[in-house]
C-alpha atoms as a PDB file:
ATOM      1  CA  MET A   1      13.358   0.018   2.006  1.00  0.00           C
ATOM      2  CA  VAL A   2      14.597   2.202   4.838  1.00  0.00           C
ATOM      3  CA  LEU A   3      16.087   4.695   2.372  1.00  0.00           C
ATOM      4  CA  GLY A   4      12.813   4.757   0.412  1.00  0.00           C
ATOM      5  CA  ALA A   5      10.850   5.359   3.609  1.00  0.00           C
ATOM      6  CA  GLY A   6      13.249   8.202   4.445  1.00  0.00           C
ATOM      7  CA  VAL A   7      12.615   9.821   1.068  1.00  0.00           C
ATOM      8  CA  VAL A   8       8.846   9.487   1.512  1.00  0.00           C
ATOM      9  CA  TRP A   9       9.132  10.913   5.036  1.00  0.00           C
ATOM     10  CA  TYR A  10      11.190  13.926   3.923  1.00  0.00           C
ATOM     11  CA  PHE A  11       9.404  14.869   0.675  1.00  0.00           C
ATOM     12  CA  ASP A  12       5.645  15.450   0.600  1.00  0.00           C
ATOM     13  CA  PRO A  13       4.177  13.392  -2.275  1.00  0.00           C
ATOM     14  CA  THR A  14       1.364  15.900  -2.752  1.00  0.00           C
ATOM     15  CA  THR A  15       3.853  18.631  -3.717  1.00  0.00           C
ATOM     16  CA  ALA A  16       6.982  16.779  -4.951  1.00  0.00           C
ATOM     17  CA  SER A  17       6.799  16.054  -8.665  1.00  0.00           C
ATOM     18  CA  PHE A  18       9.305  13.182  -8.866  1.00  0.00           C
ATOM     19  CA  PHE A  19       7.067  10.517  -7.320  1.00  0.00           C
ATOM     20  CA  PRO A  20       5.506   8.190  -9.909  1.00  0.00           C
ATOM     21  CA  PHE A  21       1.868   8.612 -10.828  1.00  0.00           C
ATOM     22  CA  CYS A  22      -0.716   5.860 -11.183  1.00  0.00           C
ATOM     23  CA  PRO A  23      -1.268   5.280 -14.907  1.00  0.00           C
ATOM     24  CA  LEU A  24      -4.725   3.776 -14.321  1.00  0.00           C
ATOM     25  CA  LEU A  25      -5.863   6.847 -12.383  1.00  0.00           C
ATOM     26  CA  ARG A  26      -4.289   9.287 -14.816  1.00  0.00           C
ATOM     27  CA  PHE A  27      -5.690   7.745 -17.996  1.00  0.00           C
ATOM     28  CA  THR A  28      -9.064   6.377 -16.856  1.00  0.00           C
ATOM     29  CA  GLY A  29      -9.960   8.203 -13.639  1.00  0.00           C
ATOM     30  CA  PHE A  30     -10.344   4.887 -11.805  1.00  0.00           C
ATOM     31  CA  ALA A  31      -8.291   4.394  -8.640  1.00  0.00           C
ATOM     32  CA  CYS A  32      -6.382   1.123  -8.342  1.00  0.00           C
ATOM     33  CA  PRO A  33      -6.042  -0.619  -4.947  1.00  0.00           C
ATOM     34  CA  GLY A  34      -2.611   0.966  -4.499  1.00  0.00           C
ATOM     35  CA  CYS A  35      -3.597   4.561  -5.249  1.00  0.00           C
ATOM     36  CA  GLY A  36      -2.780   6.818  -2.317  1.00  0.00           C
ATOM     37  CA  LEU A  37      -0.179   4.520  -0.731  1.00  0.00           C
ATOM     38  CA  THR A  38       2.714   6.968  -1.059  1.00  0.00           C
ATOM     39  CA  ARG A  39       0.698   9.852   0.366  1.00  0.00           C
ATOM     40  CA  GLY A  40      -0.660   7.540   3.065  1.00  0.00           C
ATOM     41  CA  LEU A  41       2.818   6.341   3.995  1.00  0.00           C
ATOM     42  CA  HIS A  42       3.988   9.958   4.206  1.00  0.00           C
ATOM     43  CA  ALA A  43       1.121  10.767   6.570  1.00  0.00           C
ATOM     44  CA  LEU A  44       1.749   7.605   8.596  1.00  0.00           C
ATOM     45  CA  LEU A  45       5.460   8.367   8.963  1.00  0.00           C
ATOM     46  CA  HIS A  46       4.460  11.768  10.341  1.00  0.00           C
ATOM     47  CA  GLY A  47       2.093  10.162  12.849  1.00  0.00           C
ATOM     48  CA  ASP A  48      -1.188  11.023  11.140  1.00  0.00           C
ATOM     49  CA  VAL A  49      -2.933   7.640  11.099  1.00  0.00           C
ATOM     50  CA  LEU A  50      -6.404   8.884  10.120  1.00  0.00           C
ATOM     51  CA  THR A  51      -5.101  10.774   7.103  1.00  0.00           C
ATOM     52  CA  ALA A  52      -3.093   7.715   6.069  1.00  0.00           C
ATOM     53  CA  LEU A  53      -6.234   5.578   6.228  1.00  0.00           C
ATOM     54  CA  ASP A  54      -8.122   8.254   4.305  1.00  0.00           C
ATOM     55  CA  PHE A  55      -5.620   8.061   1.441  1.00  0.00           C
ATOM     56  CA  ASN A  56      -5.781   4.247   1.328  1.00  0.00           C
ATOM     57  CA  ALA A  57      -7.773   2.090   3.739  1.00  0.00           C
ATOM     58  CA  LEU A  58      -5.659  -0.969   2.884  1.00  0.00           C
ATOM     59  CA  ILE A  59      -2.435   0.619   4.125  1.00  0.00           C
ATOM     60  CA  PRO A  60      -2.246  -1.668   7.203  1.00  0.00           C
ATOM     61  CA  LEU A  61      -2.548  -4.706   4.939  1.00  0.00           C
ATOM     62  CA  PHE A  62       0.143  -3.417   2.583  1.00  0.00           C
ATOM     63  CA  LEU A  63       2.408  -2.662   5.561  1.00  0.00           C
ATOM     64  CA  LEU A  64       2.016  -6.219   6.839  1.00  0.00           C
ATOM     65  CA  VAL A  65       2.886  -7.678   3.433  1.00  0.00           C
ATOM     66  CA  PHE A  66       5.873  -5.391   2.871  1.00  0.00           C
ATOM     67  CA  GLY A  67       7.019  -5.901   6.474  1.00  0.00           C
ATOM     68  CA  TYR A  68       6.959  -9.680   5.988  1.00  0.00           C
ATOM     69  CA  LEU A  69       8.897  -9.344   2.724  1.00  0.00           C
ATOM     70  CA  PHE A  70      11.454  -7.057   4.385  1.00  0.00           C
ATOM     71  CA  ALA A  71      11.886  -9.479   7.310  1.00  0.00           C
ATOM     72  CA  SER A  72      12.266 -12.384   4.887  1.00  0.00           C
ATOM     73  CA  LEU A  73      14.907 -10.545   2.836  1.00  0.00           C
ATOM     74  CA  LEU A  74      16.731  -9.615   6.026  1.00  0.00           C
ATOM     75  CA  SER A  75      16.590 -13.257   7.114  1.00  0.00           C
ATOM     76  CA  ILE A  76      18.078 -14.336   3.780  1.00  0.00           C
ATOM     77  CA  ALA A  77      20.921 -11.851   4.229  1.00  0.00           C
ATOM     78  CA  VAL A  78      21.653 -12.952   7.799  1.00  0.00           C
ATOM     79  CA  ARG A  79      20.835 -16.689   7.873  1.00  0.00           C
ATOM     80  CA  GLY A  80      20.977 -17.605   4.211  1.00  0.00           C
ATOM     81  CA  ARG A  81      17.321 -18.609   4.084  1.00  0.00           C
ATOM     82  CA  GLY A  82      14.043 -16.719   4.241  1.00  0.00           C
ATOM     83  CA  LEU A  83      11.203 -16.960   6.700  1.00  0.00           C
ATOM     84  CA  MET A  84       9.210 -20.161   6.938  1.00  0.00           C
ATOM     85  CA  VAL A  85       6.837 -20.782   4.060  1.00  0.00           C
ATOM     86  CA  GLU A  86       3.829 -22.940   4.784  1.00  0.00           C
ATOM     87  CA  LYS A  87       1.359 -24.498   2.382  1.00  0.00           C
ATOM     88  CA  TRP A  88      -1.366 -22.128   3.585  1.00  0.00           C
ATOM     89  CA  ASN A  89       0.574 -19.161   2.200  1.00  0.00           C
ATOM     90  CA  LEU A  90      -1.121 -19.798  -1.153  1.00  0.00           C
ATOM     91  CA  TRP A  91      -4.502 -19.209   0.516  1.00  0.00           C
ATOM     92  CA  ILE A  92      -3.187 -15.983   2.017  1.00  0.00           C
ATOM     93  CA  LEU A  93      -2.049 -14.788  -1.418  1.00  0.00           C
ATOM     94  CA  TRP A  94      -5.439 -15.589  -2.949  1.00  0.00           C
ATOM     95  CA  GLY A  95      -7.144 -13.800  -0.052  1.00  0.00           C
ATOM     96  CA  LEU A  96      -4.939 -10.729  -0.516  1.00  0.00           C
ATOM     97  CA  LEU A  97      -5.693 -10.706  -4.228  1.00  0.00           C
ATOM     98  CA  ALA A  98      -9.441 -11.006  -3.587  1.00  0.00           C
ATOM     99  CA  ALA A  99      -9.305  -8.206  -0.985  1.00  0.00           C
ATOM    100  CA  MET A 100      -7.413  -5.933  -3.366  1.00  0.00           C
ATOM    101  CA  ILE A 101      -9.820  -6.581  -6.248  1.00  0.00           C
ATOM    102  CA  ALA A 102     -12.858  -6.004  -4.008  1.00  0.00           C
ATOM    103  CA  PHE A 103     -11.318  -2.813  -2.614  1.00  0.00           C
ATOM    104  CA  GLY A 104     -10.463  -1.603  -6.127  1.00  0.00           C
ATOM    105  CA  VAL A 105     -14.055  -2.103  -7.264  1.00  0.00           C
ATOM    106  CA  LEU A 106     -15.669  -0.649  -4.137  1.00  0.00           C
ATOM    107  CA  ARG A 107     -13.539   2.499  -4.044  1.00  0.00           C
ATOM    108  CA  ASN A 108     -14.634   3.410  -7.576  1.00  0.00           C
ATOM    109  CA  LEU A 109     -18.385   3.143  -6.969  1.00  0.00           C
ATOM    110  CA  PRO A 110     -19.930   6.612  -7.375  1.00  0.00           C
ATOM    111  CA  PHE A 111     -22.278   6.668  -4.372  1.00  0.00           C
ATOM    112  CA  TYR A 112     -21.930   7.655  -0.742  1.00  0.00           C
ATOM    113  CA  PRO A 113     -20.394   5.090   1.521  1.00  0.00           C
ATOM    114  CA  PHE A 114     -17.901   4.074  -1.153  1.00  0.00           C
ATOM    115  CA  THR A 115     -16.868   7.564  -2.237  1.00  0.00           C
ATOM    116  CA  ILE A 116     -15.054   7.820   1.096  1.00  0.00           C
ATOM    117  CA  LEU A 117     -12.607   5.164  -0.143  1.00  0.00           C
ATOM    118  CA  TYR A 118     -11.592   7.156  -3.224  1.00  0.00           C
ATOM    119  CA  PRO A 119      -8.192   8.813  -2.760  1.00  0.00           C
END
């Protein structure tokens, strides 16, 4: 993950052609909930928080999820077991899924307040 972040920091995703494209955006014109994450992470790694949020408003949520996964994998490597898993984690996963679906629908609406969310 650190190596991937280094690559995203060094190469600008708006000009580098080797970053993957979103098939949903390319073939339908609709932006998925993850569209703009690479460009947003590049902006965030360069200290431009507002531009990162402009590319994808859910970037803080994605960073929390990926940060938890990274910490859990690191814990498995060091201690042999991951971070604590509670029964309420299922509710968190359903909430994340609902937030991503709602964001994906809202960012594709073609009128004013929601056009801001489009990458």
